[in-house]
Amino acid sequence: MTLRFVGIDPNTTGGGSPTVWVDEEEQEIVIQGWKADRLLTAEVTSTEWVPGHDTGVPSHEAVVRVPARMVPILREACDVAERSGLR
């Protein structure tokens, strides 16, 4: 795996913090965020966001939260991924 660090929550004080990387080999954006609480998870799993699409979160996926202050970092990650050939 070839992870390229893009950025970390600018308000981090140490310990775990929302972080963004690009896996250039797999051509994926990798995001570390805060675990969704029970209420957010319930809303996400019970809503049919796309007509005809299954509801719920598969066991191999997770819902995470990332602060809006990280939008510039996410944009940069998208640019990095695009330049590395992300489909």
PDB file of N, CA and C in Angstrom:
ATOM      1  N   MET A   1       0.846  -1.177   0.000  1.00  0.00           N
ATOM      2  CA  MET A   1       0.000   0.000   0.000  1.00  0.00           C
ATOM      3  C   MET A   1       0.891   1.239   0.000  1.00  0.00           C
ATOM      4  N   THR A   2       0.509   2.208  -0.799  1.00  0.00           N
ATOM      5  CA  THR A   2       1.275   3.441  -0.905  1.00  0.00           C
ATOM      6  C   THR A   2       0.400   4.606  -0.475  1.00  0.00           C
ATOM      7  N   LEU A   3       0.421   4.923   0.814  1.00  0.00           N
ATOM      8  CA  LEU A   3      -0.386   6.034   1.310  1.00  0.00           C
ATOM      9  C   LEU A   3       0.376   7.336   1.201  1.00  0.00           C
ATOM     10  N   ARG A   4      -0.300   8.342   0.684  1.00  0.00           N
ATOM     11  CA  ARG A   4       0.264   9.693   0.634  1.00  0.00           C
ATOM     12  C   ARG A   4      -0.550  10.554   1.586  1.00  0.00           C
ATOM     13  N   PHE A   5       0.078  11.042   2.635  1.00  0.00           N
ATOM     14  CA  PHE A   5      -0.585  11.904   3.612  1.00  0.00           C
ATOM     15  C   PHE A   5      -0.983  13.208   2.939  1.00  0.00           C
ATOM     16  N   VAL A   6      -2.243  13.617   3.131  1.00  0.00           N
ATOM     17  CA  VAL A   6      -2.713  14.875   2.562  1.00  0.00           C
ATOM     18  C   VAL A   6      -2.926  15.911   3.655  1.00  0.00           C
ATOM     19  N   GLY A   7      -3.554  15.535   4.757  1.00  0.00           N
ATOM     20  CA  GLY A   7      -3.757  16.517   5.812  1.00  0.00           C
ATOM     21  C   GLY A   7      -4.472  15.947   7.013  1.00  0.00           C
ATOM     22  N   ILE A   8      -4.409  16.722   8.100  1.00  0.00           N
ATOM     23  CA  ILE A   8      -5.026  16.355   9.369  1.00  0.00           C
ATOM     24  C   ILE A   8      -5.867  17.529   9.846  1.00  0.00           C
ATOM     25  N   ASP A   9      -6.865  17.243  10.655  1.00  0.00           N
ATOM     26  CA  ASP A   9      -7.715  18.288  11.221  1.00  0.00           C
ATOM     27  C   ASP A   9      -6.831  19.409  11.770  1.00  0.00           C
ATOM     28  N   PRO A  10      -7.001  20.633  11.267  1.00  0.00           N
ATOM     29  CA  PRO A  10      -6.140  21.730  11.724  1.00  0.00           C
ATOM     30  C   PRO A  10      -6.326  22.070  13.201  1.00  0.00           C
ATOM     31  N   ASN A  11      -7.389  21.599  13.811  1.00  0.00           N
ATOM     32  CA  ASN A  11      -7.619  21.860  15.235  1.00  0.00           C
ATOM     33  C   ASN A  11      -7.134  20.714  16.116  1.00  0.00           C
ATOM     34  N   THR A  12      -6.342  19.814  15.558  1.00  0.00           N
ATOM     35  CA  THR A  12      -5.866  18.673  16.331  1.00  0.00           C
ATOM     36  C   THR A  12      -4.964  19.128  17.471  1.00  0.00           C
ATOM     37  N   THR A  13      -5.060  18.398  18.558  1.00  0.00           N
ATOM     38  CA  THR A  13      -4.201  18.695  19.713  1.00  0.00           C
ATOM     39  C   THR A  13      -3.388  17.461  20.100  1.00  0.00           C
ATOM     40  N   GLY A  14      -3.320  16.497  19.221  1.00  0.00           N
ATOM     41  CA  GLY A  14      -2.627  15.250  19.521  1.00  0.00           C
ATOM     42  C   GLY A  14      -3.638  14.125  19.642  1.00  0.00           C
ATOM     43  N   GLY A  15      -3.147  12.915  19.738  1.00  0.00           N
ATOM     44  CA  GLY A  15      -4.058  11.777  19.785  1.00  0.00           C
ATOM     45  C   GLY A  15      -4.722  11.579  18.438  1.00  0.00           C
ATOM     46  N   GLY A  16      -5.813  10.851  18.417  1.00  0.00           N
ATOM     47  CA  GLY A  16      -6.527  10.591  17.176  1.00  0.00           C
ATOM     48  C   GLY A  16      -7.209  11.836  16.642  1.00  0.00           C
ATOM     49  N   SER A  17      -7.122  12.045  15.358  1.00  0.00           N
ATOM     50  CA  SER A  17      -7.749  13.194  14.713  1.00  0.00           C
ATOM     51  C   SER A  17      -8.160  12.810  13.309  1.00  0.00           C
ATOM     52  N   PRO A  18      -9.253  13.403  12.801  1.00  0.00           N
ATOM     53  CA  PRO A  18      -9.613  13.160  11.411  1.00  0.00           C
ATOM     54  C   PRO A  18      -8.415  13.452  10.508  1.00  0.00           C
ATOM     55  N   THR A  19      -8.152  12.522   9.600  1.00  0.00           N
ATOM     56  CA  THR A  19      -6.976  12.585   8.738  1.00  0.00           C
ATOM     57  C   THR A  19      -7.364  12.103   7.350  1.00  0.00           C
ATOM     58  N   VAL A  20      -6.675  12.608   6.340  1.00  0.00           N
ATOM     59  CA  VAL A  20      -6.954  12.220   4.957  1.00  0.00           C
ATOM     60  C   VAL A  20      -5.656  11.810   4.263  1.00  0.00           C
ATOM     61  N   TRP A  21      -5.725  10.687   3.543  1.00  0.00           N
ATOM     62  CA  TRP A  21      -4.627  10.194   2.734  1.00  0.00           C
ATOM     63  C   TRP A  21      -5.165   9.844   1.354  1.00  0.00           C
ATOM     64  N   VAL A  22      -4.261   9.636   0.415  1.00  0.00           N
ATOM     65  CA  VAL A  22      -4.605   9.049  -0.872  1.00  0.00           C
ATOM     66  C   VAL A  22      -3.752   7.797  -1.027  1.00  0.00           C
ATOM     67  N   ASP A  23      -4.411   6.682  -1.325  1.00  0.00           N
ATOM     68  CA  ASP A  23      -3.704   5.446  -1.639  1.00  0.00           C
ATOM     69  C   ASP A  23      -3.496   5.467  -3.146  1.00  0.00           C
ATOM     70  N   GLU A  24      -2.307   5.849  -3.552  1.00  0.00           N
ATOM     71  CA  GLU A  24      -2.027   6.023  -4.978  1.00  0.00           C
ATOM     72  C   GLU A  24      -1.993   4.696  -5.722  1.00  0.00           C
ATOM     73  N   GLU A  25      -1.620   3.634  -5.048  1.00  0.00           N
ATOM     74  CA  GLU A  25      -1.586   2.317  -5.685  1.00  0.00           C
ATOM     75  C   GLU A  25      -2.997   1.809  -5.981  1.00  0.00           C
ATOM     76  N   GLU A  26      -3.885   1.928  -4.997  1.00  0.00           N
ATOM     77  CA  GLU A  26      -5.270   1.468  -5.159  1.00  0.00           C
ATOM     78  C   GLU A  26      -6.162   2.543  -5.772  1.00  0.00           C
ATOM     79  N   GLN A  27      -5.638   3.753  -5.874  1.00  0.00           N
ATOM     80  CA  GLN A  27      -6.373   4.906  -6.406  1.00  0.00           C
ATOM     81  C   GLN A  27      -7.653   5.154  -5.603  1.00  0.00           C
ATOM     82  N   GLU A  28      -7.461   5.328  -4.280  1.00  0.00           N
ATOM     83  CA  GLU A  28      -8.574   5.565  -3.362  1.00  0.00           C
ATOM     84  C   GLU A  28      -8.226   6.675  -2.379  1.00  0.00           C
ATOM     85  N   ILE A  29      -9.252   7.390  -1.957  1.00  0.00           N
ATOM     86  CA  ILE A  29      -9.098   8.369  -0.881  1.00  0.00           C
ATOM     87  C   ILE A  29      -9.401   7.640   0.421  1.00  0.00           C
ATOM     88  N   VAL A  30      -8.541   7.801   1.408  1.00  0.00           N
ATOM     89  CA  VAL A  30      -8.684   7.128   2.698  1.00  0.00           C
ATOM     90  C   VAL A  30      -8.944   8.200   3.751  1.00  0.00           C
ATOM     91  N   ILE A  31     -10.015   8.023   4.530  1.00  0.00           N
ATOM     92  CA  ILE A  31     -10.414   9.032   5.515  1.00  0.00           C
ATOM     93  C   ILE A  31     -10.539   8.401   6.894  1.00  0.00           C
ATOM     94  N   GLN A  32      -9.897   9.028   7.867  1.00  0.00           N
ATOM     95  CA  GLN A  32     -10.089   8.683   9.272  1.00  0.00           C
ATOM     96  C   GLN A  32     -10.964   9.774   9.850  1.00  0.00           C
ATOM     97  N   GLY A  33     -12.030   9.395  10.523  1.00  0.00           N
ATOM     98  CA  GLY A  33     -12.920  10.387  11.116  1.00  0.00           C
ATOM     99  C   GLY A  33     -13.479   9.888  12.430  1.00  0.00           C
ATOM    100  N   TRP A  34     -14.355  10.672  13.004  1.00  0.00           N
ATOM    101  CA  TRP A  34     -15.005  10.280  14.251  1.00  0.00           C
ATOM    102  C   TRP A  34     -16.099   9.276  13.953  1.00  0.00           C
ATOM    103  N   LYS A  35     -16.249   8.270  14.798  1.00  0.00           N
ATOM    104  CA  LYS A  35     -17.325   7.300  14.638  1.00  0.00           C
ATOM    105  C   LYS A  35     -18.666   8.007  14.750  1.00  0.00           C
ATOM    106  N   ALA A  36     -19.579   7.604  13.891  1.00  0.00           N
ATOM    107  CA  ALA A  36     -20.932   8.156  13.951  1.00  0.00           C
ATOM    108  C   ALA A  36     -21.615   7.680  15.228  1.00  0.00           C
ATOM    109  N   ASP A  37     -22.373   8.578  15.861  1.00  0.00           N
ATOM    110  CA  ASP A  37     -23.102   8.173  17.060  1.00  0.00           C
ATOM    111  C   ASP A  37     -24.350   7.381  16.675  1.00  0.00           C
ATOM    112  N   ARG A  38     -25.056   6.898  17.672  1.00  0.00           N
ATOM    113  CA  ARG A  38     -26.219   6.040  17.463  1.00  0.00           C
ATOM    114  C   ARG A  38     -27.292   6.715  16.622  1.00  0.00           C
ATOM    115  N   LEU A  39     -27.570   7.992  16.877  1.00  0.00           N
ATOM    116  CA  LEU A  39     -28.619   8.695  16.136  1.00  0.00           C
ATOM    117  C   LEU A  39     -28.262   8.890  14.673  1.00  0.00           C
ATOM    118  N   LEU A  40     -27.030   9.283  14.398  1.00  0.00           N
ATOM    119  CA  LEU A  40     -26.607   9.448  13.008  1.00  0.00           C
ATOM    120  C   LEU A  40     -26.619   8.109  12.281  1.00  0.00           C
ATOM    121  N   THR A  41     -26.117   7.083  12.933  1.00  0.00           N
ATOM    122  CA  THR A  41     -26.114   5.754  12.324  1.00  0.00           C
ATOM    123  C   THR A  41     -27.533   5.292  12.020  1.00  0.00           C
ATOM    124  N   ALA A  42     -28.456   5.543  12.936  1.00  0.00           N
ATOM    125  CA  ALA A  42     -29.857   5.155  12.721  1.00  0.00           C
ATOM    126  C   ALA A  42     -30.445   5.884  11.515  1.00  0.00           C
ATOM    127  N   GLU A  43     -30.162   7.171  11.390  1.00  0.00           N
ATOM    128  CA  GLU A  43     -30.676   7.926  10.249  1.00  0.00           C
ATOM    129  C   GLU A  43     -30.091   7.412   8.939  1.00  0.00           C
ATOM    130  N   VAL A  44     -28.786   7.181   8.929  1.00  0.00           N
ATOM    131  CA  VAL A  44     -28.123   6.714   7.711  1.00  0.00           C
ATOM    132  C   VAL A  44     -28.645   5.332   7.307  1.00  0.00           C
ATOM    133  N   THR A  45     -28.795   4.449   8.284  1.00  0.00           N
ATOM    134  CA  THR A  45     -29.164   3.069   7.958  1.00  0.00           C
ATOM    135  C   THR A  45     -30.645   2.897   7.641  1.00  0.00           C
ATOM    136  N   SER A  46     -31.492   3.814   8.064  1.00  0.00           N
ATOM    137  CA  SER A  46     -32.932   3.634   7.849  1.00  0.00           C
ATOM    138  C   SER A  46     -33.486   4.436   6.676  1.00  0.00           C
ATOM    139  N   THR A  47     -32.671   5.245   6.041  1.00  0.00           N
ATOM    140  CA  THR A  47     -33.140   6.107   4.960  1.00  0.00           C
ATOM    141  C   THR A  47     -32.775   5.508   3.607  1.00  0.00           C
ATOM    142  N   GLU A  48     -33.756   5.507   2.693  1.00  0.00           N
ATOM    143  CA  GLU A  48     -33.493   5.066   1.322  1.00  0.00           C
ATOM    144  C   GLU A  48     -33.004   6.295   0.553  1.00  0.00           C
ATOM    145  N   TRP A  49     -31.678   6.478   0.505  1.00  0.00           N
ATOM    146  CA  TRP A  49     -31.075   7.665  -0.088  1.00  0.00           C
ATOM    147  C   TRP A  49     -31.186   7.679  -1.598  1.00  0.00           C
ATOM    148  N   VAL A  50     -31.179   6.501  -2.197  1.00  0.00           N
ATOM    149  CA  VAL A  50     -31.315   6.361  -3.641  1.00  0.00           C
ATOM    150  C   VAL A  50     -32.455   5.379  -3.885  1.00  0.00           C
ATOM    151  N   PRO A  51     -33.493   5.799  -4.611  1.00  0.00           N
ATOM    152  CA  PRO A  51     -34.630   4.903  -4.830  1.00  0.00           C
ATOM    153  C   PRO A  51     -34.190   3.538  -5.364  1.00  0.00           C
ATOM    154  N   GLY A  52     -34.679   2.490  -4.718  1.00  0.00           N
ATOM    155  CA  GLY A  52     -34.369   1.132  -5.141  1.00  0.00           C
ATOM    156  C   GLY A  52     -33.068   0.572  -4.606  1.00  0.00           C
ATOM    157  N   HIS A  53     -32.273   1.410  -3.925  1.00  0.00           N
ATOM    158  CA  HIS A  53     -30.987   0.957  -3.373  1.00  0.00           C
ATOM    159  C   HIS A  53     -31.219   0.434  -1.963  1.00  0.00           C
ATOM    160  N   ASP A  54     -30.475  -0.592  -1.580  1.00  0.00           N
ATOM    161  CA  ASP A  54     -30.607  -1.151  -0.237  1.00  0.00           C
ATOM    162  C   ASP A  54     -30.333  -0.095   0.825  1.00  0.00           C
ATOM    163  N   THR A  55     -31.036  -0.185   1.938  1.00  0.00           N
ATOM    164  CA  THR A  55     -30.738   0.672   3.081  1.00  0.00           C
ATOM    165  C   THR A  55     -29.731  -0.051   3.969  1.00  0.00           C
ATOM    166  N   GLY A  56     -29.191   0.671   4.912  1.00  0.00           N
ATOM    167  CA  GLY A  56     -28.249   0.079   5.846  1.00  0.00           C
ATOM    168  C   GLY A  56     -26.807   0.310   5.435  1.00  0.00           C
ATOM    169  N   VAL A  57     -25.909  -0.078   6.314  1.00  0.00           N
ATOM    170  CA  VAL A  57     -24.476   0.035   6.067  1.00  0.00           C
ATOM    171  C   VAL A  57     -23.913  -1.383   6.127  1.00  0.00           C
ATOM    172  N   PRO A  58     -23.362  -1.875   5.030  1.00  0.00           N
ATOM    173  CA  PRO A  58     -22.799  -3.233   5.036  1.00  0.00           C
ATOM    174  C   PRO A  58     -21.698  -3.368   6.083  1.00  0.00           C
ATOM    175  N   SER A  59     -21.478  -4.580   6.525  1.00  0.00           N
ATOM    176  CA  SER A  59     -20.505  -4.818   7.597  1.00  0.00           C
ATOM    177  C   SER A  59     -19.085  -4.436   7.202  1.00  0.00           C
ATOM    178  N   HIS A  60     -18.802  -4.343   5.910  1.00  0.00           N
ATOM    179  CA  HIS A  60     -17.453  -3.979   5.470  1.00  0.00           C
ATOM    180  C   HIS A  60     -17.304  -2.473   5.243  1.00  0.00           C
ATOM    181  N   GLU A  61     -18.319  -1.682   5.620  1.00  0.00           N
ATOM    182  CA  GLU A  61     -18.272  -0.226   5.479  1.00  0.00           C
ATOM    183  C   GLU A  61     -18.538   0.424   6.834  1.00  0.00           C
ATOM    184  N   ALA A  62     -18.249   1.738   6.940  1.00  0.00           N
ATOM    185  CA  ALA A  62     -18.471   2.472   8.178  1.00  0.00           C
ATOM    186  C   ALA A  62     -18.909   3.892   7.859  1.00  0.00           C
ATOM    187  N   VAL A  63     -19.616   4.500   8.781  1.00  0.00           N
ATOM    188  CA  VAL A  63     -20.002   5.905   8.666  1.00  0.00           C
ATOM    189  C   VAL A  63     -19.092   6.683   9.610  1.00  0.00           C
ATOM    190  N   VAL A  64     -18.413   7.705   9.081  1.00  0.00           N
ATOM    191  CA  VAL A  64     -17.546   8.546   9.900  1.00  0.00           C
ATOM    192  C   VAL A  64     -17.908  10.006   9.678  1.00  0.00           C
ATOM    193  N   ARG A  65     -17.534  10.833  10.627  1.00  0.00           N
ATOM    194  CA  ARG A  65     -17.754  12.273  10.527  1.00  0.00           C
ATOM    195  C   ARG A  65     -16.408  12.956  10.351  1.00  0.00           C
ATOM    196  N   VAL A  66     -16.397  13.975   9.506  1.00  0.00           N
ATOM    197  CA  VAL A  66     -15.202  14.778   9.285  1.00  0.00           C
ATOM    198  C   VAL A  66     -15.640  16.237   9.377  1.00  0.00           C
ATOM    199  N   PRO A  67     -14.938  17.082  10.153  1.00  0.00           N
ATOM    200  CA  PRO A  67     -15.372  18.465  10.309  1.00  0.00           C
ATOM    201  C   PRO A  67     -15.279  19.266   9.010  1.00  0.00           C
ATOM    202  N   ALA A  68     -16.206  20.178   8.829  1.00  0.00           N
ATOM    203  CA  ALA A  68     -16.249  21.011   7.625  1.00  0.00           C
ATOM    204  C   ALA A  68     -14.968  21.817   7.445  1.00  0.00           C
ATOM    205  N   ARG A  69     -14.253  22.087   8.525  1.00  0.00           N
ATOM    206  CA  ARG A  69     -13.001  22.848   8.404  1.00  0.00           C
ATOM    207  C   ARG A  69     -11.965  22.080   7.599  1.00  0.00           C
ATOM    208  N   MET A  70     -12.225  20.797   7.342  1.00  0.00           N
ATOM    209  CA  MET A  70     -11.292  19.994   6.560  1.00  0.00           C
ATOM    210  C   MET A  70     -11.629  19.977   5.069  1.00  0.00           C
ATOM    211  N   VAL A  71     -12.598  20.754   4.646  1.00  0.00           N
ATOM    212  CA  VAL A  71     -12.967  20.806   3.224  1.00  0.00           C
ATOM    213  C   VAL A  71     -11.752  21.085   2.336  1.00  0.00           C
ATOM    214  N   PRO A  72     -10.886  22.049   2.669  1.00  0.00           N
ATOM    215  CA  PRO A  72      -9.713  22.265   1.809  1.00  0.00           C
ATOM    216  C   PRO A  72      -8.816  21.025   1.705  1.00  0.00           C
ATOM    217  N   ILE A  73      -8.710  20.275   2.776  1.00  0.00           N
ATOM    218  CA  ILE A  73      -7.899  19.058   2.769  1.00  0.00           C
ATOM    219  C   ILE A  73      -8.550  18.001   1.887  1.00  0.00           C
ATOM    220  N   LEU A  74      -9.865  17.877   1.976  1.00  0.00           N
ATOM    221  CA  LEU A  74     -10.584  16.918   1.134  1.00  0.00           C
ATOM    222  C   LEU A  74     -10.473  17.301  -0.345  1.00  0.00           C
ATOM    223  N   ARG A  75     -10.552  18.595  -0.633  1.00  0.00           N
ATOM    224  CA  ARG A  75     -10.374  19.045  -2.017  1.00  0.00           C
ATOM    225  C   ARG A  75      -8.989  18.684  -2.535  1.00  0.00           C
ATOM    226  N   GLU A  76      -7.989  18.908  -1.674  1.00  0.00           N
ATOM    227  CA  GLU A  76      -6.627  18.569  -2.066  1.00  0.00           C
ATOM    228  C   GLU A  76      -6.498  17.071  -2.312  1.00  0.00           C
ATOM    229  N   ALA A  77      -7.123  16.266  -1.453  1.00  0.00           N
ATOM    230  CA  ALA A  77      -7.087  14.813  -1.635  1.00  0.00           C
ATOM    231  C   ALA A  77      -7.721  14.420  -2.966  1.00  0.00           C
ATOM    232  N   CYS A  78      -8.807  15.072  -3.318  1.00  0.00           N
ATOM    233  CA  CYS A  78      -9.452  14.795  -4.605  1.00  0.00           C
ATOM    234  C   CYS A  78      -8.515  15.148  -5.756  1.00  0.00           C
ATOM    235  N   ASP A  79      -7.835  16.277  -5.645  1.00  0.00           N
ATOM    236  CA  ASP A  79      -6.885  16.682  -6.688  1.00  0.00           C
ATOM    237  C   ASP A  79      -5.729  15.691  -6.790  1.00  0.00           C
ATOM    238  N   VAL A  80      -5.181  15.282  -5.640  1.00  0.00           N
ATOM    239  CA  VAL A  80      -4.069  14.323  -5.628  1.00  0.00           C
ATOM    240  C   VAL A  80      -4.519  13.010  -6.258  1.00  0.00           C
ATOM    241  N   ALA A  81      -5.688  12.546  -5.853  1.00  0.00           N
ATOM    242  CA  ALA A  81      -6.195  11.283  -6.392  1.00  0.00           C
ATOM    243  C   ALA A  81      -6.416  11.372  -7.887  1.00  0.00           C
ATOM    244  N   GLU A  82      -6.965  12.482  -8.331  1.00  0.00           N
ATOM    245  CA  GLU A  82      -7.221  12.666  -9.762  1.00  0.00           C
ATOM    246  C   GLU A  82      -5.914  12.666 -10.560  1.00  0.00           C
ATOM    247  N   ARG A  83      -4.904  13.342 -10.023  1.00  0.00           N
ATOM    248  CA  ARG A  83      -3.602  13.386 -10.700  1.00  0.00           C
ATOM    249  C   ARG A  83      -2.936  12.011 -10.723  1.00  0.00           C
ATOM    250  N   SER A  84      -3.227  11.190  -9.712  1.00  0.00           N
ATOM    251  CA  SER A  84      -2.594   9.872  -9.671  1.00  0.00           C
ATOM    252  C   SER A  84      -3.351   8.856 -10.508  1.00  0.00           C
ATOM    253  N   GLY A  85      -4.406   9.293 -11.163  1.00  0.00           N
ATOM    254  CA  GLY A  85      -5.119   8.407 -12.086  1.00  0.00           C
ATOM    255  C   GLY A  85      -6.392   7.810 -11.533  1.00  0.00           C
ATOM    256  N   LEU A  86      -6.930   8.384 -10.449  1.00  0.00           N
ATOM    257  CA  LEU A  86      -8.172   7.870  -9.865  1.00  0.00           C
ATOM    258  C   LEU A  86      -9.254   7.863 -10.927  1.00  0.00           C
ATOM    259  N   ARG A  87      -9.933   6.780 -11.030  1.00  0.00           N
ATOM    260  CA  ARG A  87     -10.992   6.627 -12.034  1.00  0.00           C
ATOM    261  C   ARG A  87     -12.232   7.366 -11.622  1.00  0.00           C
TER     262      ARG A  87
END
